[in-house]
C-alpha atoms as a PDB file:
ATOM      1  CA  PHE A   1    -165.954  64.949-167.275  1.00  0.00           C
ATOM      2  CA  ALA A   2    -168.269  67.263-169.228  1.00  0.00           C
ATOM      3  CA  THR A   3    -165.332  69.554-169.968  1.00  0.00           C
ATOM      4  CA  CYS A   4    -163.381  66.626-171.398  1.00  0.00           C
ATOM      5  CA  VAL A   5    -166.265  65.676-173.677  1.00  0.00           C
ATOM      6  CA  CYS A   6    -166.533  69.250-174.988  1.00  0.00           C
ATOM      7  CA  ARG A   7    -162.811  69.509-175.597  1.00  0.00           C
ATOM      8  CA  ARG A   8    -162.809  66.215-177.492  1.00  0.00           C
ATOM      9  CA  SER A   9    -165.839  67.347-179.490  1.00  0.00           C
ATOM     10  CA  GLU A  10    -164.059  70.590-180.257  1.00  0.00           C
ATOM     11  CA  ASN A  11    -161.004  68.756-181.518  1.00  0.00           C
ATOM     12  CA  VAL A  12    -163.145  66.589-183.781  1.00  0.00           C
ATOM     13  CA  LEU A  13    -165.394  69.372-185.052  1.00  0.00           C
ATOM     14  CA  GLN A  14    -162.826  72.053-185.882  1.00  0.00           C
ATOM     15  CA  PRO A  15    -161.458  70.333-189.008  1.00  0.00           C
ATOM     16  CA  LEU A  16    -165.014  69.514-190.064  1.00  0.00           C
ATOM     17  CA  LEU A  17    -165.933  73.198-189.883  1.00  0.00           C
ATOM     18  CA  LEU A  18    -163.180  73.808-192.418  1.00  0.00           C
ATOM     19  CA  HIS A  19    -164.131  70.915-194.704  1.00  0.00           C
ATOM     20  CA  LYS A  20    -164.687  71.610-198.412  1.00  0.00           C
ATOM     21  CA  ASN A  21    -168.099  69.902-198.412  1.00  0.00           C
ATOM     22  CA  ASN A  22    -170.836  72.353-197.381  1.00  0.00           C
ATOM     23  CA  LEU A  23    -173.059  69.655-195.879  1.00  0.00           C
ATOM     24  CA  ILE A  24    -170.266  68.399-193.646  1.00  0.00           C
ATOM     25  CA  ARG A  25    -169.514  71.940-192.476  1.00  0.00           C
ATOM     26  CA  GLU A  26    -173.176  72.651-191.759  1.00  0.00           C
ATOM     27  CA  GLU A  27    -173.609  69.424-189.788  1.00  0.00           C
ATOM     28  CA  ALA A  28    -170.430  70.119-187.821  1.00  0.00           C
ATOM     29  CA  LEU A  29    -171.743  73.602-186.974  1.00  0.00           C
ATOM     30  CA  LYS A  30    -175.083  72.142-185.843  1.00  0.00           C
ATOM     31  CA  SER A  31    -173.274  69.590-183.694  1.00  0.00           C
ATOM     32  CA  LEU A  32    -171.046  72.240-182.184  1.00  0.00           C
ATOM     33  CA  HIS A  33    -174.064  74.405-181.472  1.00  0.00           C
ATOM     34  CA  ARG A  34    -175.799  71.542-179.653  1.00  0.00           C
ATOM     35  CA  THR A  35    -172.863  70.043-177.762  1.00  0.00           C
ATOM     36  CA  GLY A  36    -170.063  72.589-177.613  1.00  0.00           C
ATOM     37  CA  GLY A  37    -170.951  74.272-174.333  1.00  0.00           C
ATOM     38  CA  ASN A  38    -168.607  77.119-173.465  1.00  0.00           C
ATOM     39  CA  ASP A  39    -166.239  76.093-176.253  1.00  0.00           C
ATOM     40  CA  ARG A  40    -168.758  76.940-179.000  1.00  0.00           C
ATOM     41  CA  GLY A  41    -168.094  80.647-179.303  1.00  0.00           C
ATOM     42  CA  PRO A  42    -164.302  80.532-179.273  1.00  0.00           C
ATOM     43  CA  LEU A  43    -164.240  77.696-181.799  1.00  0.00           C
ATOM     44  CA  MET A  44    -166.641  79.494-184.150  1.00  0.00           C
ATOM     45  CA  MET A  45    -164.574  82.670-183.842  1.00  0.00           C
ATOM     46  CA  ALA A  46    -161.377  80.735-184.581  1.00  0.00           C
ATOM     47  CA  VAL A  47    -162.678  79.456-187.920  1.00  0.00           C
ATOM     48  CA  LEU A  48    -164.659  82.558-188.936  1.00  0.00           C
ATOM     49  CA  PRO A  49    -161.774  84.367-190.710  1.00  0.00           C
ATOM     50  CA  THR A  50    -160.837  81.290-192.737  1.00  0.00           C
ATOM     51  CA  VAL A  51    -164.206  80.210-194.155  1.00  0.00           C
ATOM     52  CA  ASP A  52    -165.920  81.423-197.317  1.00  0.00           C
ATOM     53  CA  ASP A  53    -168.527  84.178-197.168  1.00  0.00           C
ATOM     54  CA  GLU A  54    -171.439  81.776-197.542  1.00  0.00           C
ATOM     55  CA  PHE A  55    -170.429  79.765-194.481  1.00  0.00           C
ATOM     56  CA  LYS A  56    -169.558  82.963-192.600  1.00  0.00           C
ATOM     57  CA  LEU A  57    -173.263  83.771-192.675  1.00  0.00           C
ATOM     58  CA  ASN A  58    -174.021  80.468-190.942  1.00  0.00           C
ATOM     59  CA  ILE A  59    -171.356  80.983-188.299  1.00  0.00           C
ATOM     60  CA  ILE A  60    -172.465  84.560-187.654  1.00  0.00           C
ATOM     61  CA  GLU A  61    -176.044  83.350-187.254  1.00  0.00           C
ATOM     62  CA  ALA A  62    -174.885  80.682-184.787  1.00  0.00           C
ATOM     63  CA  LEU A  63    -172.899  83.274-182.809  1.00  0.00           C
ATOM     64  CA  GLY A  64    -176.043  85.370-182.603  1.00  0.00           C
ATOM     65  CA  SER A  65    -178.180  82.467-181.466  1.00  0.00           C
ATOM     66  CA  ILE A  66    -175.856  81.871-178.505  1.00  0.00           C
ATOM     67  CA  LYS A  67    -175.516  85.652-177.982  1.00  0.00           C
ATOM     68  CA  TYR A  68    -171.749  85.379-177.937  1.00  0.00           C
ATOM     69  CA  ILE A  69    -170.823  88.864-176.792  1.00  0.00           C
ATOM     70  CA  GLU A  70    -167.107  88.288-177.361  1.00  0.00           C
ATOM     71  CA  ALA A  71    -167.852  88.199-181.110  1.00  0.00           C
ATOM     72  CA  VAL A  72    -168.958  91.844-181.199  1.00  0.00           C
ATOM     73  CA  PRO A  73    -165.531  93.460-181.805  1.00  0.00           C
ATOM     74  CA  ALA A  74    -164.746  91.059-184.649  1.00  0.00           C
ATOM     75  CA  LEU A  75    -168.174  91.582-186.223  1.00  0.00           C
ATOM     76  CA  VAL A  76    -167.776  95.364-186.019  1.00  0.00           C
ATOM     77  CA  ASP A  77    -164.337  95.022-187.605  1.00  0.00           C
ATOM     78  CA  MET A  78    -165.899  93.023-190.438  1.00  0.00           C
ATOM     79  CA  LEU A  79    -168.277  95.931-191.047  1.00  0.00           C
ATOM     80  CA  LYS A  80    -165.350  98.366-191.122  1.00  0.00           C
ATOM     81  CA  GLU A  81    -163.392  96.293-193.641  1.00  0.00           C
ATOM     82  CA  ARG A  82    -165.563  97.149-196.605  1.00  0.00           C
ATOM     83  CA  PRO A  83    -164.560  96.500-200.185  1.00  0.00           C
ATOM     84  CA  LYS A  84    -164.597  99.426-202.596  1.00  0.00           C
ATOM     85  CA  VAL A  85    -167.409  97.762-204.555  1.00  0.00           C
ATOM     86  CA  SER A  86    -170.233  96.113-202.645  1.00  0.00           C
ATOM     87  CA  THR A  87    -171.435  92.843-204.123  1.00  0.00           C
ATOM     88  CA  ALA A  88    -174.765  91.196-203.306  1.00  0.00           C
ATOM     89  CA  PRO A  89    -173.078  88.597-201.033  1.00  0.00           C
ATOM     90  CA  ARG A  90    -171.199  91.373-199.205  1.00  0.00           C
ATOM     91  CA  ILE A  91    -174.403  93.336-198.682  1.00  0.00           C
ATOM     92  CA  GLU A  92    -176.061  90.190-197.334  1.00  0.00           C
ATOM     93  CA  LEU A  93    -173.116  89.659-194.968  1.00  0.00           C
ATOM     94  CA  GLU A  94    -173.264  93.254-193.693  1.00  0.00           C
ATOM     95  CA  GLU A  95    -177.022  93.019-193.208  1.00  0.00           C
ATOM     96  CA  LYS A  96    -176.617  89.740-191.273  1.00  0.00           C
ATOM     97  CA  ILE A  97    -173.869  91.212-189.084  1.00  0.00           C
ATOM     98  CA  CYS A  98    -176.073  94.184-188.167  1.00  0.00           C
ATOM     99  CA  THR A  99    -178.980  91.881-187.347  1.00  0.00           C
ATOM    100  CA  ILE A 100    -176.796  89.650-185.180  1.00  0.00           C
ATOM    101  CA  LEU A 101    -175.259  92.622-183.374  1.00  0.00           C
ATOM    102  CA  GLY A 102    -178.798  93.635-182.429  1.00  0.00           C
ATOM    103  CA  LYS A 103    -179.564  90.103-181.283  1.00  0.00           C
ATOM    104  CA  ILE A 104    -176.426  89.936-179.127  1.00  0.00           C
ATOM    105  CA  GLY A 105    -177.337  93.318-177.671  1.00  0.00           C
ATOM    106  CA  SER A 106    -173.940  94.697-176.687  1.00  0.00           C
ATOM    107  CA  ASP A 107    -173.528  98.426-176.088  1.00  0.00           C
ATOM    108  CA  SER A 108    -170.126  98.288-177.757  1.00  0.00           C
ATOM    109  CA  ALA A 109    -171.831  97.845-181.141  1.00  0.00           C
ATOM    110  CA  LEU A 110    -173.776 101.101-180.807  1.00  0.00           C
ATOM    111  CA  PRO A 111    -171.247 103.518-182.363  1.00  0.00           C
ATOM    112  CA  ALA A 112    -170.842 101.436-185.528  1.00  0.00           C
ATOM    113  CA  LEU A 113    -174.575 100.776-185.837  1.00  0.00           C
ATOM    114  CA  LYS A 114    -175.372 104.486-185.375  1.00  0.00           C
ATOM    115  CA  GLU A 115    -172.831 105.412-188.018  1.00  0.00           C
ATOM    116  CA  ILE A 116    -174.317 102.927-190.480  1.00  0.00           C
ATOM    117  CA  SER A 117    -177.953 103.736-189.761  1.00  0.00           C
ATOM    118  CA  HIS A 118    -177.384 107.456-190.221  1.00  0.00           C
ATOM    119  CA  SER A 119    -175.909 106.705-193.626  1.00  0.00           C
ATOM    120  CA  LYS A 120    -172.866 108.859-193.155  1.00  0.00           C
ATOM    121  CA  SER A 121    -169.526 108.043-194.600  1.00  0.00           C
ATOM    122  CA  PHE A 122    -168.222 105.161-192.485  1.00  0.00           C
ATOM    123  CA  PHE A 123    -164.443 104.986-192.171  1.00  0.00           C
ATOM    124  CA  LEU A 124    -164.149 106.986-195.401  1.00  0.00           C
ATOM    125  CA  LEU A 125    -165.721 104.240-197.505  1.00  0.00           C
ATOM    126  CA  GLY A 126    -169.026 105.779-198.446  1.00  0.00           C
ATOM    127  CA  LYS A 127    -172.607 104.990-197.688  1.00  0.00           C
ATOM    128  CA  TYR A 128    -174.037 101.623-196.848  1.00  0.00           C
ATOM    129  CA  PRO A 129    -176.830 100.152-198.961  1.00  0.00           C
ATOM    130  CA  GLU A 130    -180.396 100.741-197.795  1.00  0.00           C
ATOM    131  CA  LYS A 131    -180.835  97.112-196.643  1.00  0.00           C
ATOM    132  CA  VAL A 132    -177.800  97.394-194.389  1.00  0.00           C
ATOM    133  CA  ARG A 133    -178.882 100.758-192.991  1.00  0.00           C
ATOM    134  CA  LYS A 134    -182.325  99.352-192.168  1.00  0.00           C
ATOM    135  CA  ALA A 135    -180.772  96.333-190.454  1.00  0.00           C
ATOM    136  CA  ALA A 136    -178.507  98.664-188.465  1.00  0.00           C
ATOM    137  CA  THR A 137    -181.483 100.790-187.419  1.00  0.00           C
ATOM    138  CA  LYS A 138    -183.390  97.695-186.251  1.00  0.00           C
ATOM    139  CA  ALA A 139    -180.323  96.496-184.363  1.00  0.00           C
ATOM    140  CA  LEU A 140    -179.993  99.888-182.664  1.00  0.00           C
ATOM    141  CA  MET A 141    -183.615  99.735-181.607  1.00  0.00           C
ATOM    142  CA  ALA A 142    -183.159  96.193-180.248  1.00  0.00           C
ATOM    143  CA  ILE A 143    -180.112  97.219-178.194  1.00  0.00           C
ATOM    144  CA  GLU A 144    -181.813 100.354-176.893  1.00  0.00           C
ATOM    145  CA  LEU A 145    -184.871  98.289-175.919  1.00  0.00           C
ATOM    146  CA  LYS A 146    -182.595  95.840-174.101  1.00  0.00           C
ATOM    147  CA  GLN A 147    -180.927  98.742-172.287  1.00  0.00           C
ATOM    148  CA  ALA A 148    -184.320 100.092-171.215  1.00  0.00           C
ATOM    149  CA  ASP A 149    -185.387  96.625-169.997  1.00  0.00           C
ATOM    150  CA  ASP A 150    -182.115  96.219-168.092  1.00  0.00           C
ATOM    151  CA  ALA A 151    -182.611  99.637-166.464  1.00  0.00           C
ATOM    152  CA  ARG A 152    -186.166  98.699-165.425  1.00  0.00           C
ATOM    153  CA  GLN A 153    -184.922  95.409-163.974  1.00  0.00           C
ATOM    154  CA  ALA A 154    -182.180  97.214-162.044  1.00  0.00           C
ATOM    155  CA  ARG A 155    -184.719  99.580-160.446  1.00  0.00           C
ATOM    156  CA  ARG A 156    -186.795  96.703-159.095  1.00  0.00           C
END
């Protein structure tokens, strides 16, 4: 029965996540976060490419709060797909993605985060802004700390 409730909630919430009104979208995301169960991550990932950058930040934050590891490849891809000119909203998005990758804690994010934090040319598109590099460095440290904790737990 719980699965049925989640699936019905998903069907109701998906169009609301795509609504033009920001308040409706935000409330739908909050509802999904509270009641979506295992359907939360896939539903958020399904709408992520179609929403505006402002709402992307909210969805990315929600994915991080549930530590949705399946989001990592898409988030890394978003970092790779850089515009030629970085705008303030784009920088904010990249900074948020780095932070969330650290929160999720997946090893698969390490190569991209290392590349960004070392400020090298990333996929031939130039250097990342200082804010993004700092966020990447913090994310690296968070993942490395998680790895060390996991290794300690495994030895016990």
